[in-house]
Amino acid sequence: MNPIIQQLVNTRINQVTGSELYQYAKQYGVSVKPEQAEAIAKRVRGKNINIFDDGERKKALTILSQELGPELTSKLNQLFEQLVLKR
C-alpha cells in the first residue's frame, strides 16, 4: 500500500473519536456499544499506533481486547489484516 495512504490511515486511527469509531463499527458489522467505542477511542487516541507494523498492531489489539473481549478483538484483527494485505 502507498506510504501516503498508510500514513493517512494511521493518522485517522490515532485521532478517532468515540462517535466516529462507533459509526465505523456499524459500517463494518462490528457489534460495539457507544460506551465501548468511546473507551477504545480514548485508549488508542494519541498513541501513534501503526497498524501496518505487526508489533504495533498486536499492541493495539491488546488494548482493544481489554475493552471488547477476545471474540470482537478477533473480528477487528481480521478487518485490520484485510486492510494491511491491500498494501
PDB file of N, CA and C in Angstrom:
ATOM      1  N   MET A   1       0.847  -1.171   0.000  1.00  0.00           N
ATOM      2  CA  MET A   1       0.000   0.000   0.000  1.00  0.00           C
ATOM      3  C   MET A   1       0.897   1.241   0.000  1.00  0.00           C
ATOM      4  N   ASN A   2       0.462   2.242  -0.687  1.00  0.00           N
ATOM      5  CA  ASN A   2       1.168   3.507  -0.792  1.00  0.00           C
ATOM      6  C   ASN A   2       1.462   4.072   0.608  1.00  0.00           C
ATOM      7  N   PRO A   3       2.709   4.508   0.860  1.00  0.00           N
ATOM      8  CA  PRO A   3       3.057   5.048   2.184  1.00  0.00           C
ATOM      9  C   PRO A   3       2.199   6.251   2.599  1.00  0.00           C
ATOM     10  N   ILE A   4       1.770   7.036   1.661  1.00  0.00           N
ATOM     11  CA  ILE A   4       0.919   8.190   1.986  1.00  0.00           C
ATOM     12  C   ILE A   4      -0.431   7.704   2.490  1.00  0.00           C
ATOM     13  N   ILE A   5      -0.986   6.690   1.846  1.00  0.00           N
ATOM     14  CA  ILE A   5      -2.256   6.113   2.286  1.00  0.00           C
ATOM     15  C   ILE A   5      -2.091   5.501   3.674  1.00  0.00           C
ATOM     16  N   GLN A   6      -0.976   4.797   3.896  1.00  0.00           N
ATOM     17  CA  GLN A   6      -0.716   4.219   5.208  1.00  0.00           C
ATOM     18  C   GLN A   6      -0.695   5.303   6.281  1.00  0.00           C
ATOM     19  N   GLN A   7      -0.024   6.403   5.984  1.00  0.00           N
ATOM     20  CA  GLN A   7       0.060   7.494   6.945  1.00  0.00           C
ATOM     21  C   GLN A   7      -1.333   8.081   7.224  1.00  0.00           C
ATOM     22  N   LEU A   8      -2.140   8.226   6.186  1.00  0.00           N
ATOM     23  CA  LEU A   8      -3.493   8.747   6.369  1.00  0.00           C
ATOM     24  C   LEU A   8      -4.333   7.808   7.245  1.00  0.00           C
ATOM     25  N   VAL A   9      -4.241   6.514   6.983  1.00  0.00           N
ATOM     26  CA  VAL A   9      -4.997   5.531   7.769  1.00  0.00           C
ATOM     27  C   VAL A   9      -4.554   5.576   9.231  1.00  0.00           C
ATOM     28  N   ASN A  10      -3.246   5.573   9.464  1.00  0.00           N
ATOM     29  CA  ASN A  10      -2.737   5.609  10.831  1.00  0.00           C
ATOM     30  C   ASN A  10      -3.124   6.901  11.552  1.00  0.00           C
ATOM     31  N   THR A  11      -3.056   8.019  10.854  1.00  0.00           N
ATOM     32  CA  THR A  11      -3.456   9.292  11.448  1.00  0.00           C
ATOM     33  C   THR A  11      -4.918   9.251  11.838  1.00  0.00           C
ATOM     34  N   ARG A  12      -5.738   8.706  10.954  1.00  0.00           N
ATOM     35  CA  ARG A  12      -7.182   8.624  11.228  1.00  0.00           C
ATOM     36  C   ARG A  12      -7.450   7.761  12.457  1.00  0.00           C
ATOM     37  N   ILE A  13      -6.770   6.636  12.556  1.00  0.00           N
ATOM     38  CA  ILE A  13      -6.942   5.738  13.703  1.00  0.00           C
ATOM     39  C   ILE A  13      -6.505   6.427  14.994  1.00  0.00           C
ATOM     40  N   ASN A  14      -5.404   7.134  14.933  1.00  0.00           N
ATOM     41  CA  ASN A  14      -4.852   7.749  16.127  1.00  0.00           C
ATOM     42  C   ASN A  14      -5.584   9.017  16.555  1.00  0.00           C
ATOM     43  N   GLN A  15      -6.524   9.497  15.734  1.00  0.00           N
ATOM     44  CA  GLN A  15      -7.289  10.690  16.081  1.00  0.00           C
ATOM     45  C   GLN A  15      -8.787  10.420  16.174  1.00  0.00           C
ATOM     46  N   VAL A  16      -9.185   9.181  16.105  1.00  0.00           N
ATOM     47  CA  VAL A  16     -10.607   8.830  16.059  1.00  0.00           C
ATOM     48  C   VAL A  16     -11.318   9.188  17.369  1.00  0.00           C
ATOM     49  N   THR A  17     -12.552   9.633  17.226  1.00  0.00           N
ATOM     50  CA  THR A  17     -13.386   9.888  18.402  1.00  0.00           C
ATOM     51  C   THR A  17     -14.271   8.671  18.639  1.00  0.00           C
ATOM     52  N   GLY A  18     -14.880   8.616  19.801  1.00  0.00           N
ATOM     53  CA  GLY A  18     -15.763   7.503  20.126  1.00  0.00           C
ATOM     54  C   GLY A  18     -16.939   7.405  19.181  1.00  0.00           C
ATOM     55  N   SER A  19     -17.550   8.547  18.855  1.00  0.00           N
ATOM     56  CA  SER A  19     -18.715   8.506  17.962  1.00  0.00           C
ATOM     57  C   SER A  19     -18.316   8.089  16.546  1.00  0.00           C
ATOM     58  N   GLU A  20     -17.153   8.529  16.085  1.00  0.00           N
ATOM     59  CA  GLU A  20     -16.677   8.101  14.765  1.00  0.00           C
ATOM     60  C   GLU A  20     -16.393   6.607  14.757  1.00  0.00           C
ATOM     61  N   LEU A  21     -15.746   6.146  15.804  1.00  0.00           N
ATOM     62  CA  LEU A  21     -15.433   4.720  15.905  1.00  0.00           C
ATOM     63  C   LEU A  21     -16.706   3.887  15.939  1.00  0.00           C
ATOM     64  N   TYR A  22     -17.704   4.373  16.641  1.00  0.00           N
ATOM     65  CA  TYR A  22     -18.991   3.677  16.699  1.00  0.00           C
ATOM     66  C   TYR A  22     -19.612   3.590  15.305  1.00  0.00           C
ATOM     67  N   GLN A  23     -19.538   4.666  14.541  1.00  0.00           N
ATOM     68  CA  GLN A  23     -20.076   4.667  13.180  1.00  0.00           C
ATOM     69  C   GLN A  23     -19.308   3.693  12.279  1.00  0.00           C
ATOM     70  N   TYR A  24     -17.973   3.674  12.408  1.00  0.00           N
ATOM     71  CA  TYR A  24     -17.174   2.725  11.631  1.00  0.00           C
ATOM     72  C   TYR A  24     -17.535   1.293  12.003  1.00  0.00           C
ATOM     73  N   ALA A  25     -17.726   1.044  13.286  1.00  0.00           N
ATOM     74  CA  ALA A  25     -18.078  -0.306  13.743  1.00  0.00           C
ATOM     75  C   ALA A  25     -19.390  -0.747  13.111  1.00  0.00           C
ATOM     76  N   LYS A  26     -20.371   0.129  13.109  1.00  0.00           N
ATOM     77  CA  LYS A  26     -21.657  -0.208  12.482  1.00  0.00           C
ATOM     78  C   LYS A  26     -21.465  -0.463  10.989  1.00  0.00           C
ATOM     79  N   GLN A  27     -20.665   0.370  10.340  1.00  0.00           N
ATOM     80  CA  GLN A  27     -20.430   0.239   8.897  1.00  0.00           C
ATOM     81  C   GLN A  27     -19.802  -1.115   8.549  1.00  0.00           C
ATOM     82  N   TYR A  28     -18.907  -1.613   9.409  1.00  0.00           N
ATOM     83  CA  TYR A  28     -18.206  -2.860   9.120  1.00  0.00           C
ATOM     84  C   TYR A  28     -18.765  -4.060   9.876  1.00  0.00           C
ATOM     85  N   GLY A  29     -19.931  -3.882  10.493  1.00  0.00           N
ATOM     86  CA  GLY A  29     -20.600  -5.006  11.128  1.00  0.00           C
ATOM     87  C   GLY A  29     -19.963  -5.476  12.421  1.00  0.00           C
ATOM     88  N   VAL A  30     -19.293  -4.582  13.138  1.00  0.00           N
ATOM     89  CA  VAL A  30     -18.684  -4.923  14.416  1.00  0.00           C
ATOM     90  C   VAL A  30     -19.622  -4.429  15.511  1.00  0.00           C
ATOM     91  N   SER A  31     -20.055  -5.341  16.350  1.00  0.00           N
ATOM     92  CA  SER A  31     -21.042  -5.029  17.371  1.00  0.00           C
ATOM     93  C   SER A  31     -20.375  -4.466  18.631  1.00  0.00           C
ATOM     94  N   VAL A  32     -20.415  -3.138  18.759  1.00  0.00           N
ATOM     95  CA  VAL A  32     -19.916  -2.494  19.971  1.00  0.00           C
ATOM     96  C   VAL A  32     -20.961  -1.496  20.458  1.00  0.00           C
ATOM     97  N   LYS A  33     -20.916  -1.249  21.739  1.00  0.00           N
ATOM     98  CA  LYS A  33     -21.801  -0.254  22.332  1.00  0.00           C
ATOM     99  C   LYS A  33     -21.120   1.111  22.231  1.00  0.00           C
ATOM    100  N   PRO A  34     -21.904   2.184  22.206  1.00  0.00           N
ATOM    101  CA  PRO A  34     -21.291   3.519  22.144  1.00  0.00           C
ATOM    102  C   PRO A  34     -20.277   3.764  23.266  1.00  0.00           C
ATOM    103  N   GLU A  35     -20.562   3.233  24.452  1.00  0.00           N
ATOM    104  CA  GLU A  35     -19.642   3.412  25.582  1.00  0.00           C
ATOM    105  C   GLU A  35     -18.317   2.695  25.328  1.00  0.00           C
ATOM    106  N   GLN A  36     -18.398   1.515  24.713  1.00  0.00           N
ATOM    107  CA  GLN A  36     -17.179   0.777  24.389  1.00  0.00           C
ATOM    108  C   GLN A  36     -16.364   1.525  23.346  1.00  0.00           C
ATOM    109  N   ALA A  37     -17.045   2.054  22.345  1.00  0.00           N
ATOM    110  CA  ALA A  37     -16.352   2.804  21.290  1.00  0.00           C
ATOM    111  C   ALA A  37     -15.628   4.000  21.886  1.00  0.00           C
ATOM    112  N   GLU A  38     -16.269   4.697  22.800  1.00  0.00           N
ATOM    113  CA  GLU A  38     -15.641   5.856  23.445  1.00  0.00           C
ATOM    114  C   GLU A  38     -14.432   5.429  24.266  1.00  0.00           C
ATOM    115  N   ALA A  39     -14.554   4.335  25.011  1.00  0.00           N
ATOM    116  CA  ALA A  39     -13.442   3.843  25.829  1.00  0.00           C
ATOM    117  C   ALA A  39     -12.260   3.435  24.950  1.00  0.00           C
ATOM    118  N   ILE A  40     -12.545   2.775  23.845  1.00  0.00           N
ATOM    119  CA  ILE A  40     -11.482   2.359  22.926  1.00  0.00           C
ATOM    120  C   ILE A  40     -10.799   3.577  22.327  1.00  0.00           C
ATOM    121  N   ALA A  41     -11.587   4.530  21.866  1.00  0.00           N
ATOM    122  CA  ALA A  41     -11.025   5.741  21.255  1.00  0.00           C
ATOM    123  C   ALA A  41     -10.103   6.460  22.236  1.00  0.00           C
ATOM    124  N   LYS A  42     -10.521   6.549  23.479  1.00  0.00           N
ATOM    125  CA  LYS A  42      -9.684   7.204  24.488  1.00  0.00           C
ATOM    126  C   LYS A  42      -8.365   6.469  24.685  1.00  0.00           C
ATOM    127  N   ARG A  43      -8.409   5.140  24.598  1.00  0.00           N
ATOM    128  CA  ARG A  43      -7.198   4.351  24.842  1.00  0.00           C
ATOM    129  C   ARG A  43      -6.229   4.363  23.668  1.00  0.00           C
ATOM    130  N   VAL A  44      -6.723   4.512  22.435  1.00  0.00           N
ATOM    131  CA  VAL A  44      -5.809   4.490  21.284  1.00  0.00           C
ATOM    132  C   VAL A  44      -5.447   5.882  20.772  1.00  0.00           C
ATOM    133  N   ARG A  45      -6.275   6.864  21.080  1.00  0.00           N
ATOM    134  CA  ARG A  45      -6.026   8.224  20.582  1.00  0.00           C
ATOM    135  C   ARG A  45      -4.677   8.743  21.096  1.00  0.00           C
ATOM    136  N   GLY A  46      -3.894   9.235  20.161  1.00  0.00           N
ATOM    137  CA  GLY A  46      -2.613   9.836  20.505  1.00  0.00           C
ATOM    138  C   GLY A  46      -1.484   8.852  20.773  1.00  0.00           C
ATOM    139  N   LYS A  47      -1.729   7.563  20.597  1.00  0.00           N
ATOM    140  CA  LYS A  47      -0.697   6.561  20.862  1.00  0.00           C
ATOM    141  C   LYS A  47       0.235   6.347  19.667  1.00  0.00           C
ATOM    142  N   ASN A  48      -0.088   6.948  18.530  1.00  0.00           N
ATOM    143  CA  ASN A  48       0.716   6.809  17.307  1.00  0.00           C
ATOM    144  C   ASN A  48       0.934   5.353  16.923  1.00  0.00           C
ATOM    145  N   ILE A  49      -0.142   4.608  16.930  1.00  0.00           N
ATOM    146  CA  ILE A  49      -0.092   3.190  16.569  1.00  0.00           C
ATOM    147  C   ILE A  49      -0.069   3.058  15.050  1.00  0.00           C
ATOM    148  N   ASN A  50       0.857   2.248  14.568  1.00  0.00           N
ATOM    149  CA  ASN A  50       0.980   1.967  13.140  1.00  0.00           C
ATOM    150  C   ASN A  50       0.396   0.574  12.892  1.00  0.00           C
ATOM    151  N   ILE A  51      -0.821   0.503  12.365  1.00  0.00           N
ATOM    152  CA  ILE A  51      -1.438  -0.812  12.195  1.00  0.00           C
ATOM    153  C   ILE A  51      -0.795  -1.622  11.075  1.00  0.00           C
ATOM    154  N   PHE A  52       0.099  -1.009  10.308  1.00  0.00           N
ATOM    155  CA  PHE A  52       0.793  -1.725   9.247  1.00  0.00           C
ATOM    156  C   PHE A  52       2.056  -2.417   9.764  1.00  0.00           C
ATOM    157  N   ASP A  53       2.402  -2.173  11.010  1.00  0.00           N
ATOM    158  CA  ASP A  53       3.519  -2.830  11.679  1.00  0.00           C
ATOM    159  C   ASP A  53       2.932  -3.926  12.574  1.00  0.00           C
ATOM    160  N   ASP A  54       3.382  -5.166  12.374  1.00  0.00           N
ATOM    161  CA  ASP A  54       2.814  -6.303  13.113  1.00  0.00           C
ATOM    162  C   ASP A  54       2.864  -6.112  14.622  1.00  0.00           C
ATOM    163  N   GLY A  55       3.983  -5.667  15.143  1.00  0.00           N
ATOM    164  CA  GLY A  55       4.125  -5.494  16.590  1.00  0.00           C
ATOM    165  C   GLY A  55       3.190  -4.426  17.146  1.00  0.00           C
ATOM    166  N   GLU A  56       3.092  -3.322  16.441  1.00  0.00           N
ATOM    167  CA  GLU A  56       2.221  -2.247  16.901  1.00  0.00           C
ATOM    168  C   GLU A  56       0.751  -2.621  16.764  1.00  0.00           C
ATOM    169  N   ARG A  57       0.418  -3.374  15.721  1.00  0.00           N
ATOM    170  CA  ARG A  57      -0.961  -3.828  15.552  1.00  0.00           C
ATOM    171  C   ARG A  57      -1.342  -4.762  16.703  1.00  0.00           C
ATOM    172  N   LYS A  58      -0.424  -5.645  17.087  1.00  0.00           N
ATOM    173  CA  LYS A  58      -0.679  -6.537  18.224  1.00  0.00           C
ATOM    174  C   LYS A  58      -0.856  -5.735  19.509  1.00  0.00           C
ATOM    175  N   LYS A  59      -0.067  -4.670  19.660  1.00  0.00           N
ATOM    176  CA  LYS A  59      -0.193  -3.801  20.831  1.00  0.00           C
ATOM    177  C   LYS A  59      -1.585  -3.164  20.863  1.00  0.00           C
ATOM    178  N   ALA A  60      -2.051  -2.696  19.712  1.00  0.00           N
ATOM    179  CA  ALA A  60      -3.388  -2.097  19.631  1.00  0.00           C
ATOM    180  C   ALA A  60      -4.459  -3.133  19.943  1.00  0.00           C
ATOM    181  N   LEU A  61      -4.300  -4.328  19.434  1.00  0.00           N
ATOM    182  CA  LEU A  61      -5.283  -5.386  19.682  1.00  0.00           C
ATOM    183  C   LEU A  61      -5.314  -5.782  21.153  1.00  0.00           C
ATOM    184  N   THR A  62      -4.174  -5.722  21.832  1.00  0.00           N
ATOM    185  CA  THR A  62      -4.139  -5.991  23.264  1.00  0.00           C
ATOM    186  C   THR A  62      -4.962  -4.949  24.011  1.00  0.00           C
ATOM    187  N   ILE A  63      -4.807  -3.695  23.622  1.00  0.00           N
ATOM    188  CA  ILE A  63      -5.598  -2.618  24.225  1.00  0.00           C
ATOM    189  C   ILE A  63      -7.079  -2.860  23.962  1.00  0.00           C
ATOM    190  N   LEU A  64      -7.413  -3.207  22.735  1.00  0.00           N
ATOM    191  CA  LEU A  64      -8.809  -3.427  22.365  1.00  0.00           C
ATOM    192  C   LEU A  64      -9.406  -4.625  23.087  1.00  0.00           C
ATOM    193  N   SER A  65      -8.621  -5.667  23.271  1.00  0.00           N
ATOM    194  CA  SER A  65      -9.158  -6.877  23.917  1.00  0.00           C
ATOM    195  C   SER A  65      -9.574  -6.595  25.351  1.00  0.00           C
ATOM    196  N   GLN A  66      -8.926  -5.650  25.990  1.00  0.00           N
ATOM    197  CA  GLN A  66      -9.289  -5.303  27.359  1.00  0.00           C
ATOM    198  C   GLN A  66     -10.669  -4.658  27.420  1.00  0.00           C
ATOM    199  N   GLU A  67     -11.078  -4.003  26.349  1.00  0.00           N
ATOM    200  CA  GLU A  67     -12.384  -3.356  26.297  1.00  0.00           C
ATOM    201  C   GLU A  67     -13.455  -4.248  25.671  1.00  0.00           C
ATOM    202  N   LEU A  68     -13.058  -5.073  24.688  1.00  0.00           N
ATOM    203  CA  LEU A  68     -14.038  -5.799  23.878  1.00  0.00           C
ATOM    204  C   LEU A  68     -14.124  -7.287  24.137  1.00  0.00           C
ATOM    205  N   GLY A  69     -13.082  -7.870  24.667  1.00  0.00           N
ATOM    206  CA  GLY A  69     -13.059  -9.316  24.815  1.00  0.00           C
ATOM    207  C   GLY A  69     -12.474  -9.963  23.574  1.00  0.00           C
ATOM    208  N   PRO A  70     -12.165 -11.249  23.673  1.00  0.00           N
ATOM    209  CA  PRO A  70     -11.444 -11.926  22.591  1.00  0.00           C
ATOM    210  C   PRO A  70     -12.217 -12.082  21.283  1.00  0.00           C
ATOM    211  N   GLU A  71     -13.516 -12.295  21.342  1.00  0.00           N
ATOM    212  CA  GLU A  71     -14.281 -12.535  20.113  1.00  0.00           C
ATOM    213  C   GLU A  71     -14.312 -11.300  19.210  1.00  0.00           C
ATOM    214  N   LEU A  72     -14.661 -10.152  19.774  1.00  0.00           N
ATOM    215  CA  LEU A  72     -14.697  -8.929  18.969  1.00  0.00           C
ATOM    216  C   LEU A  72     -13.298  -8.491  18.546  1.00  0.00           C
ATOM    217  N   THR A  73     -12.329  -8.723  19.412  1.00  0.00           N
ATOM    218  CA  THR A  73     -10.950  -8.376  19.063  1.00  0.00           C
ATOM    219  C   THR A  73     -10.490  -9.202  17.867  1.00  0.00           C
ATOM    220  N   SER A  74     -10.870 -10.453  17.841  1.00  0.00           N
ATOM    221  CA  SER A  74     -10.521 -11.318  16.708  1.00  0.00           C
ATOM    222  C   SER A  74     -11.139 -10.790  15.414  1.00  0.00           C
ATOM    223  N   LYS A  75     -12.380 -10.346  15.486  1.00  0.00           N
ATOM    224  CA  LYS A  75     -13.043  -9.801  14.295  1.00  0.00           C
ATOM    225  C   LYS A  75     -12.339  -8.529  13.824  1.00  0.00           C
ATOM    226  N   LEU A  76     -11.954  -7.673  14.763  1.00  0.00           N
ATOM    227  CA  LEU A  76     -11.225  -6.463  14.396  1.00  0.00           C
ATOM    228  C   LEU A  76      -9.878  -6.795  13.776  1.00  0.00           C
ATOM    229  N   ASN A  77      -9.221  -7.813  14.311  1.00  0.00           N
ATOM    230  CA  ASN A  77      -7.946  -8.230  13.739  1.00  0.00           C
ATOM    231  C   ASN A  77      -8.128  -8.668  12.288  1.00  0.00           C
ATOM    232  N   GLN A  78      -9.204  -9.370  12.001  1.00  0.00           N
ATOM    233  CA  GLN A  78      -9.480  -9.777  10.623  1.00  0.00           C
ATOM    234  C   GLN A  78      -9.655  -8.558   9.713  1.00  0.00           C
ATOM    235  N   LEU A  79     -10.358  -7.534  10.219  1.00  0.00           N
ATOM    236  CA  LEU A  79     -10.529  -6.311   9.437  1.00  0.00           C
ATOM    237  C   LEU A  79      -9.191  -5.604   9.222  1.00  0.00           C
ATOM    238  N   PHE A  80      -8.376  -5.529  10.269  1.00  0.00           N
ATOM    239  CA  PHE A  80      -7.047  -4.922  10.139  1.00  0.00           C
ATOM    240  C   PHE A  80      -6.214  -5.674   9.112  1.00  0.00           C
ATOM    241  N   GLU A  81      -6.252  -7.002   9.174  1.00  0.00           N
ATOM    242  CA  GLU A  81      -5.461  -7.801   8.243  1.00  0.00           C
ATOM    243  C   GLU A  81      -5.924  -7.595   6.801  1.00  0.00           C
ATOM    244  N   GLN A  82      -7.221  -7.468   6.591  1.00  0.00           N
ATOM    245  CA  GLN A  82      -7.709  -7.180   5.246  1.00  0.00           C
ATOM    246  C   GLN A  82      -7.162  -5.845   4.741  1.00  0.00           C
ATOM    247  N   LEU A  83      -7.134  -4.872   5.605  1.00  0.00           N
ATOM    248  CA  LEU A  83      -6.610  -3.556   5.238  1.00  0.00           C
ATOM    249  C   LEU A  83      -5.115  -3.630   4.961  1.00  0.00           C
ATOM    250  N   VAL A  84      -4.382  -4.309   5.820  1.00  0.00           N
ATOM    251  CA  VAL A  84      -2.931  -4.399   5.680  1.00  0.00           C
ATOM    252  C   VAL A  84      -2.546  -5.185   4.432  1.00  0.00           C
ATOM    253  N   LEU A  85      -3.296  -6.225   4.099  1.00  0.00           N
ATOM    254  CA  LEU A  85      -2.966  -7.049   2.934  1.00  0.00           C
ATOM    255  C   LEU A  85      -3.162  -6.297   1.619  1.00  0.00           C
ATOM    256  N   LYS A  86      -3.850  -5.179   1.660  1.00  0.00           N
ATOM    257  CA  LYS A  86      -4.051  -4.382   0.440  1.00  0.00           C
ATOM    258  C   LYS A  86      -2.847  -3.531   0.105  1.00  0.00           C
ATOM    259  N   ARG A  87      -1.768  -3.662   0.870  1.00  0.00           N
ATOM    260  CA  ARG A  87      -0.601  -2.826   0.600  1.00  0.00           C
ATOM    261  C   ARG A  87       0.093  -3.206  -0.653  1.00  0.00           C
TER     262      ARG A  87
END
